[in-house]
């Protein structure tokens, strides 16, 4: 399964869509101009356990690194992802 992921800078989140239906999000904060803090990951229950959260998190991390931002992970799911896939 491949997600369509959209970035909403105003809402500070990446939204996961499946067939144009909003199924999850990766929310972040920008505590300073050089740092992004991923704070919350959510997927609708029926989409969990299929690797979709990893796709969403990877998209957010790729965005952060492309912008040269230091990554923080307040969200436990993002922290676990970074343990498995160090920057």
PDB file of N, CA and C in Angstrom:
ATOM      1  N   UNK A   1       0.828  -1.186   0.000  1.00  0.00           N
ATOM      2  CA  UNK A   1       0.000   0.000   0.000  1.00  0.00           C
ATOM      3  C   UNK A   1       0.868   1.244   0.000  1.00  0.00           C
ATOM      4  N   UNK A   2       0.545   2.150  -0.865  1.00  0.00           N
ATOM      5  CA  UNK A   2       1.297   3.394  -0.942  1.00  0.00           C
ATOM      6  C   UNK A   2       0.378   4.545  -0.578  1.00  0.00           C
ATOM      7  N   UNK A   3       0.900   5.409   0.266  1.00  0.00           N
ATOM      8  CA  UNK A   3       0.139   6.561   0.719  1.00  0.00           C
ATOM      9  C   UNK A   3       0.363   7.760  -0.182  1.00  0.00           C
ATOM     10  N   UNK A   4      -0.630   8.614  -0.240  1.00  0.00           N
ATOM     11  CA  UNK A   4      -0.477   9.960  -0.761  1.00  0.00           C
ATOM     12  C   UNK A   4      -0.284  10.818   0.481  1.00  0.00           C
ATOM     13  N   UNK A   5       0.823  11.526   0.559  1.00  0.00           N
ATOM     14  CA  UNK A   5       1.117  12.319   1.751  1.00  0.00           C
ATOM     15  C   UNK A   5       1.191  13.784   1.353  1.00  0.00           C
ATOM     16  N   UNK A   6       0.440  14.592   2.076  1.00  0.00           N
ATOM     17  CA  UNK A   6       0.405  16.030   1.805  1.00  0.00           C
ATOM     18  C   UNK A   6       0.913  16.786   3.024  1.00  0.00           C
ATOM     19  N   UNK A   7       1.673  17.839   2.749  1.00  0.00           N
ATOM     20  CA  UNK A   7       2.236  18.662   3.814  1.00  0.00           C
ATOM     21  C   UNK A   7       1.403  19.929   3.950  1.00  0.00           C
ATOM     22  N   UNK A   8       0.905  20.175   5.147  1.00  0.00           N
ATOM     23  CA  UNK A   8       0.163  21.391   5.454  1.00  0.00           C
ATOM     24  C   UNK A   8       1.016  22.198   6.431  1.00  0.00           C
ATOM     25  N   UNK A   9       1.780  23.153   5.885  1.00  0.00           N
ATOM     26  CA  UNK A   9       2.698  23.916   6.729  1.00  0.00           C
ATOM     27  C   UNK A   9       1.958  24.752   7.766  1.00  0.00           C
ATOM     28  N   UNK A  10       0.802  25.295   7.407  1.00  0.00           N
ATOM     29  CA  UNK A  10       0.045  26.120   8.346  1.00  0.00           C
ATOM     30  C   UNK A  10      -0.410  25.298   9.554  1.00  0.00           C
ATOM     31  N   UNK A  11      -0.886  24.082   9.314  1.00  0.00           N
ATOM     32  CA  UNK A  11      -1.325  23.195  10.398  1.00  0.00           C
ATOM     33  C   UNK A  11      -0.159  22.433  11.022  1.00  0.00           C
ATOM     34  N   UNK A  12       1.015  22.549  10.442  1.00  0.00           N
ATOM     35  CA  UNK A  12       2.218  21.847  10.884  1.00  0.00           C
ATOM     36  C   UNK A  12       1.973  20.347  10.998  1.00  0.00           C
ATOM     37  N   UNK A  13       1.584  19.767   9.861  1.00  0.00           N
ATOM     38  CA  UNK A  13       1.393  18.320   9.841  1.00  0.00           C
ATOM     39  C   UNK A  13       1.497  17.777   8.422  1.00  0.00           C
ATOM     40  N   UNK A  14       1.804  16.505   8.367  1.00  0.00           N
ATOM     41  CA  UNK A  14       1.756  15.735   7.129  1.00  0.00           C
ATOM     42  C   UNK A  14       0.509  14.869   7.238  1.00  0.00           C
ATOM     43  N   UNK A  15      -0.320  14.917   6.218  1.00  0.00           N
ATOM     44  CA  UNK A  15      -1.564  14.157   6.224  1.00  0.00           C
ATOM     45  C   UNK A  15      -1.434  12.976   5.279  1.00  0.00           C
ATOM     46  N   UNK A  16      -1.805  11.792   5.767  1.00  0.00           N
ATOM     47  CA  UNK A  16      -1.776  10.565   4.972  1.00  0.00           C
ATOM     48  C   UNK A  16      -3.157  10.341   4.366  1.00  0.00           C
ATOM     49  N   UNK A  17      -3.171  10.117   3.061  1.00  0.00           N
ATOM     50  CA  UNK A  17      -4.431   9.863   2.363  1.00  0.00           C
ATOM     51  C   UNK A  17      -4.334   8.545   1.608  1.00  0.00           C
ATOM     52  N   UNK A  18      -5.457   7.837   1.621  1.00  0.00           N
ATOM     53  CA  UNK A  18      -5.587   6.598   0.862  1.00  0.00           C
ATOM     54  C   UNK A  18      -6.853   6.770   0.023  1.00  0.00           C
ATOM     55  N   UNK A  19      -6.678   6.763  -1.296  1.00  0.00           N
ATOM     56  CA  UNK A  19      -7.806   6.981  -2.210  1.00  0.00           C
ATOM     57  C   UNK A  19      -8.569   8.254  -1.828  1.00  0.00           C
ATOM     58  N   UNK A  20      -7.812   9.333  -1.604  1.00  0.00           N
ATOM     59  CA  UNK A  20      -8.336  10.660  -1.251  1.00  0.00           C
ATOM     60  C   UNK A  20      -9.058  10.727   0.088  1.00  0.00           C
ATOM     61  N   UNK A  21      -8.935   9.695   0.917  1.00  0.00           N
ATOM     62  CA  UNK A  21      -9.522   9.707   2.253  1.00  0.00           C
ATOM     63  C   UNK A  21      -8.415   9.933   3.280  1.00  0.00           C
ATOM     64  N   UNK A  22      -8.631  10.884   4.168  1.00  0.00           N
ATOM     65  CA  UNK A  22      -7.677  11.195   5.231  1.00  0.00           C
ATOM     66  C   UNK A  22      -7.659  10.023   6.216  1.00  0.00           C
ATOM     67  N   UNK A  23      -6.503   9.351   6.326  1.00  0.00           N
ATOM     68  CA  UNK A  23      -6.419   8.195   7.218  1.00  0.00           C
ATOM     69  C   UNK A  23      -5.429   8.377   8.365  1.00  0.00           C
ATOM     70  N   UNK A  24      -4.687   9.491   8.366  1.00  0.00           N
ATOM     71  CA  UNK A  24      -3.730   9.687   9.444  1.00  0.00           C
ATOM     72  C   UNK A  24      -2.961  10.973   9.309  1.00  0.00           C
ATOM     73  N   UNK A  25      -2.093  11.195  10.298  1.00  0.00           N
ATOM     74  CA  UNK A  25      -1.310  12.423  10.307  1.00  0.00           C
ATOM     75  C   UNK A  25      -0.024  12.256  11.098  1.00  0.00           C
ATOM     76  N   UNK A  26       0.921  13.094  10.766  1.00  0.00           N
ATOM     77  CA  UNK A  26       2.171  13.240  11.511  1.00  0.00           C
ATOM     78  C   UNK A  26       2.283  14.726  11.834  1.00  0.00           C
ATOM     79  N   UNK A  27       2.082  15.065  13.098  1.00  0.00           N
ATOM     80  CA  UNK A  27       2.087  16.465  13.525  1.00  0.00           C
ATOM     81  C   UNK A  27       3.464  16.840  14.064  1.00  0.00           C
ATOM     82  N   UNK A  28       3.822  18.096  13.854  1.00  0.00           N
ATOM     83  CA  UNK A  28       5.120  18.576  14.324  1.00  0.00           C
ATOM     84  C   UNK A  28       5.011  20.001  14.849  1.00  0.00           C
ATOM     85  N   UNK A  29       6.073  20.422  15.528  1.00  0.00           N
ATOM     86  CA  UNK A  29       6.231  21.804  15.975  1.00  0.00           C
ATOM     87  C   UNK A  29       7.608  22.262  15.525  1.00  0.00           C
ATOM     88  N   UNK A  30       7.756  23.559  15.422  1.00  0.00           N
ATOM     89  CA  UNK A  30       9.042  24.162  15.082  1.00  0.00           C
ATOM     90  C   UNK A  30       9.477  25.025  16.267  1.00  0.00           C
ATOM     91  N   UNK A  31      10.147  24.408  17.261  1.00  0.00           N
ATOM     92  CA  UNK A  31      10.506  25.159  18.461  1.00  0.00           C
ATOM     93  C   UNK A  31      11.495  26.296  18.199  1.00  0.00           C
ATOM     94  N   UNK A  32      12.266  26.168  17.123  1.00  0.00           N
ATOM     95  CA  UNK A  32      13.145  27.246  16.681  1.00  0.00           C
ATOM     96  C   UNK A  32      13.379  27.049  15.177  1.00  0.00           C
ATOM     97  N   UNK A  33      13.977  28.022  14.502  1.00  0.00           N
ATOM     98  CA  UNK A  33      14.092  27.937  13.041  1.00  0.00           C
ATOM     99  C   UNK A  33      14.936  26.770  12.517  1.00  0.00           C
ATOM    100  N   UNK A  34      15.754  26.166  13.374  1.00  0.00           N
ATOM    101  CA  UNK A  34      16.630  25.074  12.933  1.00  0.00           C
ATOM    102  C   UNK A  34      16.155  23.693  13.369  1.00  0.00           C
ATOM    103  N   UNK A  35      15.017  23.608  14.053  1.00  0.00           N
ATOM    104  CA  UNK A  35      14.593  22.349  14.679  1.00  0.00           C
ATOM    105  C   UNK A  35      13.140  22.024  14.345  1.00  0.00           C
ATOM    106  N   UNK A  36      12.908  20.737  14.084  1.00  0.00           N
ATOM    107  CA  UNK A  36      11.544  20.227  13.938  1.00  0.00           C
ATOM    108  C   UNK A  36      11.358  19.137  14.989  1.00  0.00           C
ATOM    109  N   UNK A  37      10.234  19.200  15.679  1.00  0.00           N
ATOM    110  CA  UNK A  37       9.924  18.217  16.714  1.00  0.00           C
ATOM    111  C   UNK A  37       8.656  17.470  16.298  1.00  0.00           C
ATOM    112  N   UNK A  38       8.826  16.204  15.933  1.00  0.00           N
ATOM    113  CA  UNK A  38       7.675  15.378  15.571  1.00  0.00           C
ATOM    114  C   UNK A  38       6.981  14.964  16.866  1.00  0.00           C
ATOM    115  N   UNK A  39       5.720  15.387  17.016  1.00  0.00           N
ATOM    116  CA  UNK A  39       5.036  15.260  18.294  1.00  0.00           C
ATOM    117  C   UNK A  39       3.955  14.192  18.343  1.00  0.00           C
ATOM    118  N   UNK A  40       3.401  13.831  17.197  1.00  0.00           N
ATOM    119  CA  UNK A  40       2.235  12.942  17.230  1.00  0.00           C
ATOM    120  C   UNK A  40       2.082  12.240  15.888  1.00  0.00           C
ATOM    121  N   UNK A  41       1.896  10.929  15.932  1.00  0.00           N
ATOM    122  CA  UNK A  41       1.582  10.147  14.740  1.00  0.00           C
ATOM    123  C   UNK A  41       0.271   9.427  14.993  1.00  0.00           C
ATOM    124  N   UNK A  42      -0.614   9.466  13.997  1.00  0.00           N
ATOM    125  CA  UNK A  42      -1.900   8.792  14.135  1.00  0.00           C
ATOM    126  C   UNK A  42      -2.277   8.159  12.805  1.00  0.00           C
ATOM    127  N   UNK A  43      -2.779   6.928  12.866  1.00  0.00           N
ATOM    128  CA  UNK A  43      -3.387   6.256  11.722  1.00  0.00           C
ATOM    129  C   UNK A  43      -4.701   5.651  12.188  1.00  0.00           C
ATOM    130  N   UNK A  44      -5.706   5.722  11.341  1.00  0.00           N
ATOM    131  CA  UNK A  44      -6.969   5.052  11.647  1.00  0.00           C
ATOM    132  C   UNK A  44      -6.673   3.575  11.915  1.00  0.00           C
ATOM    133  N   UNK A  45      -7.382   2.998  12.854  1.00  0.00           N
ATOM    134  CA  UNK A  45      -7.097   1.644  13.332  1.00  0.00           C
ATOM    135  C   UNK A  45      -6.996   0.611  12.210  1.00  0.00           C
ATOM    136  N   UNK A  46      -7.863   0.666  11.237  1.00  0.00           N
ATOM    137  CA  UNK A  46      -7.864  -0.332  10.169  1.00  0.00           C
ATOM    138  C   UNK A  46      -6.610  -0.297   9.292  1.00  0.00           C
ATOM    139  N   UNK A  47      -5.821   0.783   9.386  1.00  0.00           N
ATOM    140  CA  UNK A  47      -4.618   0.917   8.568  1.00  0.00           C
ATOM    141  C   UNK A  47      -3.337   0.652   9.355  1.00  0.00           C
ATOM    142  N   UNK A  48      -3.463   0.345  10.610  1.00  0.00           N
ATOM    143  CA  UNK A  48      -2.291   0.096  11.453  1.00  0.00           C
ATOM    144  C   UNK A  48      -1.708  -1.285  11.171  1.00  0.00           C
ATOM    145  N   UNK A  49      -0.404  -1.418  11.440  1.00  0.00           N
ATOM    146  CA  UNK A  49       0.266  -2.706  11.291  1.00  0.00           C
ATOM    147  C   UNK A  49       0.581  -3.079   9.857  1.00  0.00           C
ATOM    148  N   UNK A  50       0.533  -2.107   8.943  1.00  0.00           N
ATOM    149  CA  UNK A  50       0.775  -2.379   7.520  1.00  0.00           C
ATOM    150  C   UNK A  50       1.982  -1.619   6.977  1.00  0.00           C
ATOM    151  N   UNK A  51       2.749  -0.993   7.888  1.00  0.00           N
ATOM    152  CA  UNK A  51       3.924  -0.235   7.464  1.00  0.00           C
ATOM    153  C   UNK A  51       3.616   1.176   6.990  1.00  0.00           C
ATOM    154  N   UNK A  52       2.364   1.588   7.102  1.00  0.00           N
ATOM    155  CA  UNK A  52       1.990   2.911   6.612  1.00  0.00           C
ATOM    156  C   UNK A  52       2.513   4.026   7.518  1.00  0.00           C
ATOM    157  N   UNK A  53       2.555   3.784   8.815  1.00  0.00           N
ATOM    158  CA  UNK A  53       3.109   4.794   9.727  1.00  0.00           C
ATOM    159  C   UNK A  53       4.571   5.045   9.386  1.00  0.00           C
ATOM    160  N   UNK A  54       5.323   3.984   9.074  1.00  0.00           N
ATOM    161  CA  UNK A  54       6.719   4.153   8.682  1.00  0.00           C
ATOM    162  C   UNK A  54       6.836   5.010   7.424  1.00  0.00           C
ATOM    163  N   UNK A  55       5.946   4.809   6.452  1.00  0.00           N
ATOM    164  CA  UNK A  55       5.965   5.634   5.237  1.00  0.00           C
ATOM    165  C   UNK A  55       5.731   7.102   5.582  1.00  0.00           C
ATOM    166  N   UNK A  56       4.772   7.345   6.447  1.00  0.00           N
ATOM    167  CA  UNK A  56       4.432   8.705   6.851  1.00  0.00           C
ATOM    168  C   UNK A  56       5.604   9.349   7.604  1.00  0.00           C
ATOM    169  N   UNK A  57       6.172   8.622   8.539  1.00  0.00           N
ATOM    170  CA  UNK A  57       7.302   9.135   9.319  1.00  0.00           C
ATOM    171  C   UNK A  57       8.499   9.378   8.421  1.00  0.00           C
ATOM    172  N   UNK A  58       8.799   8.445   7.533  1.00  0.00           N
ATOM    173  CA  UNK A  58       9.934   8.621   6.616  1.00  0.00           C
ATOM    174  C   UNK A  58       9.751   9.877   5.774  1.00  0.00           C
ATOM    175  N   UNK A  59       8.548  10.122   5.323  1.00  0.00           N
ATOM    176  CA  UNK A  59       8.273  11.322   4.527  1.00  0.00           C
ATOM    177  C   UNK A  59       8.599  12.581   5.342  1.00  0.00           C
ATOM    178  N   UNK A  60       8.163  12.606   6.594  1.00  0.00           N
ATOM    179  CA  UNK A  60       8.453  13.752   7.459  1.00  0.00           C
ATOM    180  C   UNK A  60       9.933  13.920   7.725  1.00  0.00           C
ATOM    181  N   UNK A  61      10.623  12.826   7.981  1.00  0.00           N
ATOM    182  CA  UNK A  61      12.078  12.875   8.227  1.00  0.00           C
ATOM    183  C   UNK A  61      12.808  13.345   6.966  1.00  0.00           C
ATOM    184  N   UNK A  62      12.405  12.820   5.802  1.00  0.00           N
ATOM    185  CA  UNK A  62      13.024  13.243   4.545  1.00  0.00           C
ATOM    186  C   UNK A  62      12.838  14.745   4.323  1.00  0.00           C
ATOM    187  N   UNK A  63      11.647  15.244   4.637  1.00  0.00           N
ATOM    188  CA  UNK A  63      11.400  16.683   4.526  1.00  0.00           C
ATOM    189  C   UNK A  63      12.358  17.443   5.439  1.00  0.00           C
ATOM    190  N   UNK A  64      12.450  17.014   6.702  1.00  0.00           N
ATOM    191  CA  UNK A  64      13.293  17.698   7.678  1.00  0.00           C
ATOM    192  C   UNK A  64      14.755  17.723   7.234  1.00  0.00           C
ATOM    193  N   UNK A  65      15.258  16.589   6.787  1.00  0.00           N
ATOM    194  CA  UNK A  65      16.663  16.539   6.382  1.00  0.00           C
ATOM    195  C   UNK A  65      16.902  17.360   5.117  1.00  0.00           C
ATOM    196  N   UNK A  66      15.929  17.390   4.217  1.00  0.00           N
ATOM    197  CA  UNK A  66      16.096  18.197   2.988  1.00  0.00           C
ATOM    198  C   UNK A  66      16.150  19.686   3.313  1.00  0.00           C
ATOM    199  N   UNK A  67      15.552  20.088   4.427  1.00  0.00           N
ATOM    200  CA  UNK A  67      15.562  21.490   4.873  1.00  0.00           C
ATOM    201  C   UNK A  67      16.701  21.783   5.844  1.00  0.00           C
ATOM    202  N   UNK A  68      17.498  20.750   6.170  1.00  0.00           N
ATOM    203  CA  UNK A  68      18.617  20.928   7.088  1.00  0.00           C
ATOM    204  C   UNK A  68      18.193  21.128   8.537  1.00  0.00           C
ATOM    205  N   UNK A  69      17.027  20.610   8.900  1.00  0.00           N
ATOM    206  CA  UNK A  69      16.514  20.774  10.257  1.00  0.00           C
ATOM    207  C   UNK A  69      17.014  19.675  11.189  1.00  0.00           C
ATOM    208  N   UNK A  70      17.291  20.048  12.419  1.00  0.00           N
ATOM    209  CA  UNK A  70      17.593  19.064  13.454  1.00  0.00           C
ATOM    210  C   UNK A  70      16.274  18.387  13.818  1.00  0.00           C
ATOM    211  N   UNK A  71      16.296  17.069  13.910  1.00  0.00           N
ATOM    212  CA  UNK A  71      15.081  16.304  14.181  1.00  0.00           C
ATOM    213  C   UNK A  71      15.002  15.928  15.648  1.00  0.00           C
ATOM    214  N   UNK A  72      13.848  16.233  16.248  1.00  0.00           N
ATOM    215  CA  UNK A  72      13.523  15.766  17.599  1.00  0.00           C
ATOM    216  C   UNK A  72      12.288  14.879  17.480  1.00  0.00           C
ATOM    217  N   UNK A  73      12.182  13.945  18.405  1.00  0.00           N
ATOM    218  CA  UNK A  73      11.059  13.004  18.350  1.00  0.00           C
ATOM    219  C   UNK A  73      10.368  12.919  19.704  1.00  0.00           C
ATOM    220  N   UNK A  74       9.415  13.801  19.945  1.00  0.00           N
ATOM    221  CA  UNK A  74       8.581  13.694  21.147  1.00  0.00           C
ATOM    222  C   UNK A  74       7.619  12.522  21.010  1.00  0.00           C
ATOM    223  N   UNK A  75       7.267  12.194  19.779  1.00  0.00           N
ATOM    224  CA  UNK A  75       6.354  11.090  19.495  1.00  0.00           C
ATOM    225  C   UNK A  75       7.085   9.751  19.637  1.00  0.00           C
ATOM    226  N   UNK A  76       6.561   8.844  20.457  1.00  0.00           N
ATOM    227  CA  UNK A  76       7.214   7.542  20.624  1.00  0.00           C
ATOM    228  C   UNK A  76       7.350   6.753  19.321  1.00  0.00           C
ATOM    229  N   UNK A  77       6.391   6.849  18.414  1.00  0.00           N
ATOM    230  CA  UNK A  77       6.483   6.111  17.148  1.00  0.00           C
ATOM    231  C   UNK A  77       7.642   6.632  16.308  1.00  0.00           C
ATOM    232  N   UNK A  78       7.841   7.940  16.301  1.00  0.00           N
ATOM    233  CA  UNK A  78       8.963   8.529  15.546  1.00  0.00           C
ATOM    234  C   UNK A  78      10.279   8.142  16.213  1.00  0.00           C
ATOM    235  N   UNK A  79      10.319   8.162  17.543  1.00  0.00           N
ATOM    236  CA  UNK A  79      11.540   7.766  18.263  1.00  0.00           C
ATOM    237  C   UNK A  79      11.913   6.320  17.931  1.00  0.00           C
ATOM    238  N   UNK A  80      10.924   5.415  17.899  1.00  0.00           N
ATOM    239  CA  UNK A  80      11.196   4.011  17.545  1.00  0.00           C
ATOM    240  C   UNK A  80      11.677   3.907  16.098  1.00  0.00           C
ATOM    241  N   UNK A  81      11.077   4.675  15.211  1.00  0.00           N
ATOM    242  CA  UNK A  81      11.502   4.676  13.810  1.00  0.00           C
ATOM    243  C   UNK A  81      12.975   5.092  13.713  1.00  0.00           C
ATOM    244  N   UNK A  82      13.351   6.144  14.443  1.00  0.00           N
ATOM    245  CA  UNK A  82      14.739   6.630  14.389  1.00  0.00           C
ATOM    246  C   UNK A  82      15.720   5.642  15.013  1.00  0.00           C
ATOM    247  N   UNK A  83      15.266   4.844  15.971  1.00  0.00           N
ATOM    248  CA  UNK A  83      16.130   3.792  16.518  1.00  0.00           C
ATOM    249  C   UNK A  83      16.436   2.760  15.442  1.00  0.00           C
ATOM    250  N   UNK A  84      15.441   2.437  14.643  1.00  0.00           N
ATOM    251  CA  UNK A  84      15.618   1.447  13.567  1.00  0.00           C
ATOM    252  C   UNK A  84      16.300   2.028  12.334  1.00  0.00           C
ATOM    253  N   UNK A  85      16.133   3.336  12.132  1.00  0.00           N
ATOM    254  CA  UNK A  85      16.671   4.004  10.928  1.00  0.00           C
ATOM    255  C   UNK A  85      17.373   5.297  11.364  1.00  0.00           C
ATOM    256  N   UNK A  86      18.562   5.186  11.953  1.00  0.00           N
ATOM    257  CA  UNK A  86      19.252   6.407  12.423  1.00  0.00           C
ATOM    258  C   UNK A  86      19.541   7.377  11.271  1.00  0.00           C
ATOM    259  N   UNK A  87      19.556   8.653  11.611  1.00  0.00           N
ATOM    260  CA  UNK A  87      19.861   9.676  10.602  1.00  0.00           C
ATOM    261  C   UNK A  87      21.319   9.625  10.227  1.00  0.00           C
TER     262      UNK A  87
END
